[in-house]
Amino acid sequence: MGAYSVLEIPECSKLNKFLCHPPAILSAMKELTPKQVLAVRCPTCGAPPGVRCELGTGRYRTEPHRGRETVSMEN
């Protein structure tokens, strides 16, 4: 299967907008450094800038939430 664009995903709504990025945005997300991603507050778990994202159990996530990567790319 190939890559999907926003138009090919039938359920692309505001709730799952982070899953519906065009390929150009996804490639830009890969270029962010961990320091750049951690420079913004996470919209998903509320982790402040400089602090890693948390799981529901209170432990740190191995990767930041996708929404945090998106917000850091916009800033």
N, C-alpha and C. Protein backbone atom coordinates (compact mmCIF):
# COMPACT_ATOMS: atom_id res chain seq x y z
N MET A 1 0.84 -1.17 0.00
CA MET A 1 0.00 0.00 0.00
C MET A 1 0.88 1.24 0.00
N GLY A 2 0.42 2.28 -0.64
CA GLY A 2 1.18 3.53 -0.70
C GLY A 2 0.78 4.48 0.40
N ALA A 3 1.35 5.64 0.34
CA ALA A 3 1.04 6.68 1.32
C ALA A 3 -0.35 7.26 1.06
N TYR A 4 -1.02 7.68 2.10
CA TYR A 4 -2.34 8.27 1.98
C TYR A 4 -2.26 9.78 2.09
N SER A 5 -3.10 10.46 1.36
CA SER A 5 -3.19 11.91 1.51
C SER A 5 -4.42 12.22 2.35
N VAL A 6 -4.59 13.47 2.71
CA VAL A 6 -5.73 13.88 3.53
C VAL A 6 -7.04 13.55 2.83
N LEU A 7 -7.09 13.69 1.54
CA LEU A 7 -8.33 13.45 0.81
C LEU A 7 -8.72 11.98 0.76
N GLU A 8 -7.77 11.08 0.90
CA GLU A 8 -8.06 9.65 0.82
C GLU A 8 -8.52 9.06 2.15
N ILE A 9 -8.39 9.80 3.24
CA ILE A 9 -8.78 9.29 4.55
C ILE A 9 -10.21 9.75 4.82
N PRO A 10 -11.17 8.83 4.87
CA PRO A 10 -12.56 9.22 4.99
C PRO A 10 -12.94 9.86 6.32
N GLU A 11 -12.27 9.54 7.41
CA GLU A 11 -12.64 10.04 8.73
C GLU A 11 -11.69 11.13 9.21
N CYS A 12 -11.27 12.03 8.34
CA CYS A 12 -10.33 13.08 8.72
C CYS A 12 -11.08 14.23 9.36
N SER A 13 -11.17 14.24 10.68
CA SER A 13 -11.89 15.27 11.41
C SER A 13 -10.94 16.00 12.34
N LYS A 14 -11.45 16.97 13.07
CA LYS A 14 -10.61 17.70 14.02
C LYS A 14 -10.09 16.78 15.12
N LEU A 15 -10.84 15.75 15.48
CA LEU A 15 -10.41 14.85 16.55
C LEU A 15 -9.19 14.03 16.17
N ASN A 16 -9.09 13.64 14.92
CA ASN A 16 -7.94 12.84 14.52
C ASN A 16 -7.09 13.57 13.49
N LYS A 17 -7.04 14.91 13.59
CA LYS A 17 -6.30 15.70 12.61
C LYS A 17 -4.81 15.36 12.61
N PHE A 18 -4.29 14.87 13.72
CA PHE A 18 -2.87 14.55 13.77
C PHE A 18 -2.54 13.29 12.96
N LEU A 19 -3.56 12.52 12.62
CA LEU A 19 -3.34 11.33 11.80
C LEU A 19 -3.48 11.64 10.32
N CYS A 20 -3.89 12.84 9.98
CA CYS A 20 -4.24 13.18 8.60
C CYS A 20 -3.30 14.21 7.99
N HIS A 21 -2.04 14.20 8.37
CA HIS A 21 -1.11 15.18 7.82
C HIS A 21 -0.69 14.82 6.41
N PRO A 22 -0.54 15.81 5.56
CA PRO A 22 0.03 15.56 4.23
C PRO A 22 1.48 15.10 4.38
N PRO A 23 2.01 14.40 3.39
CA PRO A 23 3.39 13.89 3.47
C PRO A 23 4.43 14.97 3.74
N ALA A 24 4.25 16.20 3.25
CA ALA A 24 5.23 17.27 3.48
C ALA A 24 5.35 17.58 4.96
N ILE A 25 4.25 17.57 5.68
CA ILE A 25 4.29 17.85 7.12
C ILE A 25 4.94 16.69 7.85
N LEU A 26 4.64 15.47 7.46
CA LEU A 26 5.23 14.31 8.11
C LEU A 26 6.74 14.29 7.94
N SER A 27 7.23 14.67 6.76
CA SER A 27 8.68 14.69 6.56
C SER A 27 9.32 15.79 7.38
N ALA A 28 8.63 16.93 7.55
CA ALA A 28 9.17 18.01 8.37
C ALA A 28 9.22 17.58 9.84
N MET A 29 8.24 16.78 10.29
CA MET A 29 8.21 16.31 11.67
C MET A 29 9.42 15.44 11.98
N LYS A 30 9.90 14.70 11.00
CA LYS A 30 11.05 13.82 11.21
C LYS A 30 12.33 14.62 11.42
N GLU A 31 12.35 15.87 10.98
CA GLU A 31 13.56 16.68 11.07
C GLU A 31 13.68 17.41 12.41
N LEU A 32 12.67 17.35 13.25
CA LEU A 32 12.72 18.02 14.54
C LEU A 32 13.65 17.28 15.50
N THR A 33 14.39 18.04 16.28
CA THR A 33 15.24 17.43 17.29
C THR A 33 14.41 17.20 18.55
N PRO A 34 14.81 16.29 19.42
CA PRO A 34 14.08 16.08 20.67
C PRO A 34 13.99 17.36 21.51
N LYS A 35 15.02 18.18 21.47
CA LYS A 35 15.02 19.43 22.22
C LYS A 35 13.94 20.38 21.69
N GLN A 36 13.74 20.41 20.37
CA GLN A 36 12.70 21.26 19.78
C GLN A 36 11.31 20.77 20.17
N VAL A 37 11.11 19.47 20.19
CA VAL A 37 9.81 18.91 20.55
C VAL A 37 9.49 19.20 22.02
N LEU A 38 10.48 19.08 22.88
CA LEU A 38 10.26 19.30 24.31
C LEU A 38 10.14 20.79 24.67
N ALA A 39 10.35 21.67 23.72
CA ALA A 39 10.31 23.11 24.00
C ALA A 39 8.89 23.66 24.14
N VAL A 40 7.88 22.84 23.85
CA VAL A 40 6.49 23.29 23.94
C VAL A 40 5.71 22.40 24.90
N ARG A 41 4.61 22.92 25.41
CA ARG A 41 3.72 22.16 26.30
C ARG A 41 2.97 21.10 25.46
N CYS A 42 2.80 19.92 26.00
CA CYS A 42 2.09 18.85 25.29
C CYS A 42 0.58 19.07 25.41
N PRO A 43 -0.12 19.17 24.27
CA PRO A 43 -1.57 19.35 24.33
C PRO A 43 -2.33 18.10 24.75
N THR A 44 -1.69 16.94 24.70
CA THR A 44 -2.35 15.68 25.03
C THR A 44 -2.30 15.38 26.52
N CYS A 45 -1.11 15.40 27.11
CA CYS A 45 -0.97 15.04 28.52
C CYS A 45 -0.71 16.24 29.42
N GLY A 46 -0.46 17.42 28.83
CA GLY A 46 -0.24 18.63 29.60
C GLY A 46 1.16 18.78 30.18
N ALA A 47 2.11 17.96 29.71
CA ALA A 47 3.48 18.07 30.21
C ALA A 47 4.04 19.45 29.87
N PRO A 48 4.63 20.14 30.84
CA PRO A 48 5.18 21.47 30.57
C PRO A 48 6.42 21.41 29.68
N PRO A 49 6.82 22.54 29.11
CA PRO A 49 8.04 22.56 28.29
C PRO A 49 9.24 22.04 29.07
N GLY A 50 10.05 21.22 28.41
CA GLY A 50 11.24 20.66 29.03
C GLY A 50 11.02 19.36 29.78
N VAL A 51 9.77 18.94 29.93
CA VAL A 51 9.44 17.71 30.66
C VAL A 51 8.85 16.70 29.67
N ARG A 52 9.27 15.44 29.79
CA ARG A 52 8.79 14.41 28.88
C ARG A 52 7.31 14.12 29.08
N CYS A 53 6.67 13.62 28.04
CA CYS A 53 5.26 13.23 28.11
C CYS A 53 5.10 12.02 29.03
N GLU A 54 3.91 11.90 29.61
CA GLU A 54 3.64 10.80 30.53
C GLU A 54 2.58 9.85 29.99
N LEU A 55 2.68 8.61 30.43
CA LEU A 55 1.64 7.61 30.17
C LEU A 55 0.53 7.79 31.19
N GLY A 56 -0.57 7.12 31.02
CA GLY A 56 -1.66 7.16 31.98
C GLY A 56 -1.27 6.62 33.34
N THR A 57 -0.23 5.79 33.38
CA THR A 57 0.24 5.21 34.64
C THR A 57 1.16 6.15 35.40
N GLY A 58 1.53 7.28 34.78
CA GLY A 58 2.43 8.22 35.42
C GLY A 58 3.89 8.06 35.02
N ARG A 59 4.20 7.00 34.31
CA ARG A 59 5.57 6.78 33.85
C ARG A 59 5.80 7.61 32.59
N TYR A 60 7.07 7.88 32.28
CA TYR A 60 7.40 8.65 31.09
C TYR A 60 7.21 7.81 29.83
N ARG A 61 6.74 8.48 28.77
CA ARG A 61 6.63 7.83 27.46
C ARG A 61 8.00 7.76 26.81
N THR A 62 8.23 6.77 25.95
CA THR A 62 9.51 6.69 25.23
C THR A 62 9.55 7.71 24.10
N GLU A 63 8.41 8.07 23.56
CA GLU A 63 8.30 9.07 22.49
C GLU A 63 7.27 10.11 22.91
N PRO A 64 7.43 11.36 22.49
CA PRO A 64 6.41 12.37 22.81
C PRO A 64 5.12 12.10 22.04
N HIS A 65 4.02 12.65 22.54
CA HIS A 65 2.75 12.51 21.82
C HIS A 65 2.85 13.17 20.45
N ARG A 66 2.12 12.66 19.50
CA ARG A 66 2.14 13.17 18.14
C ARG A 66 1.70 14.64 18.10
N GLY A 67 0.75 15.00 18.94
CA GLY A 67 0.27 16.38 18.99
C GLY A 67 1.36 17.35 19.42
N ARG A 68 2.23 16.91 20.31
CA ARG A 68 3.32 17.76 20.76
C ARG A 68 4.31 18.01 19.63
N GLU A 69 4.56 17.00 18.84
CA GLU A 69 5.44 17.16 17.68
C GLU A 69 4.84 18.16 16.69
N THR A 70 3.54 18.08 16.51
CA THR A 70 2.88 18.98 15.58
C THR A 70 2.93 20.42 16.08
N VAL A 71 2.65 20.61 17.35
CA VAL A 71 2.68 21.96 17.92
C VAL A 71 4.09 22.53 17.85
N SER A 72 5.10 21.72 18.13
CA SER A 72 6.47 22.22 18.09
C SER A 72 6.89 22.57 16.67
N MET A 73 6.34 21.89 15.70
CA MET A 73 6.65 22.19 14.30
C MET A 73 6.03 23.53 13.89
N GLU A 74 4.87 23.87 14.45
CA GLU A 74 4.19 25.10 14.11
C GLU A 74 4.85 26.31 14.74
N ASN A 75 5.60 26.12 15.82
CA ASN A 75 6.24 27.26 16.51
C ASN A 75 7.60 27.56 15.94
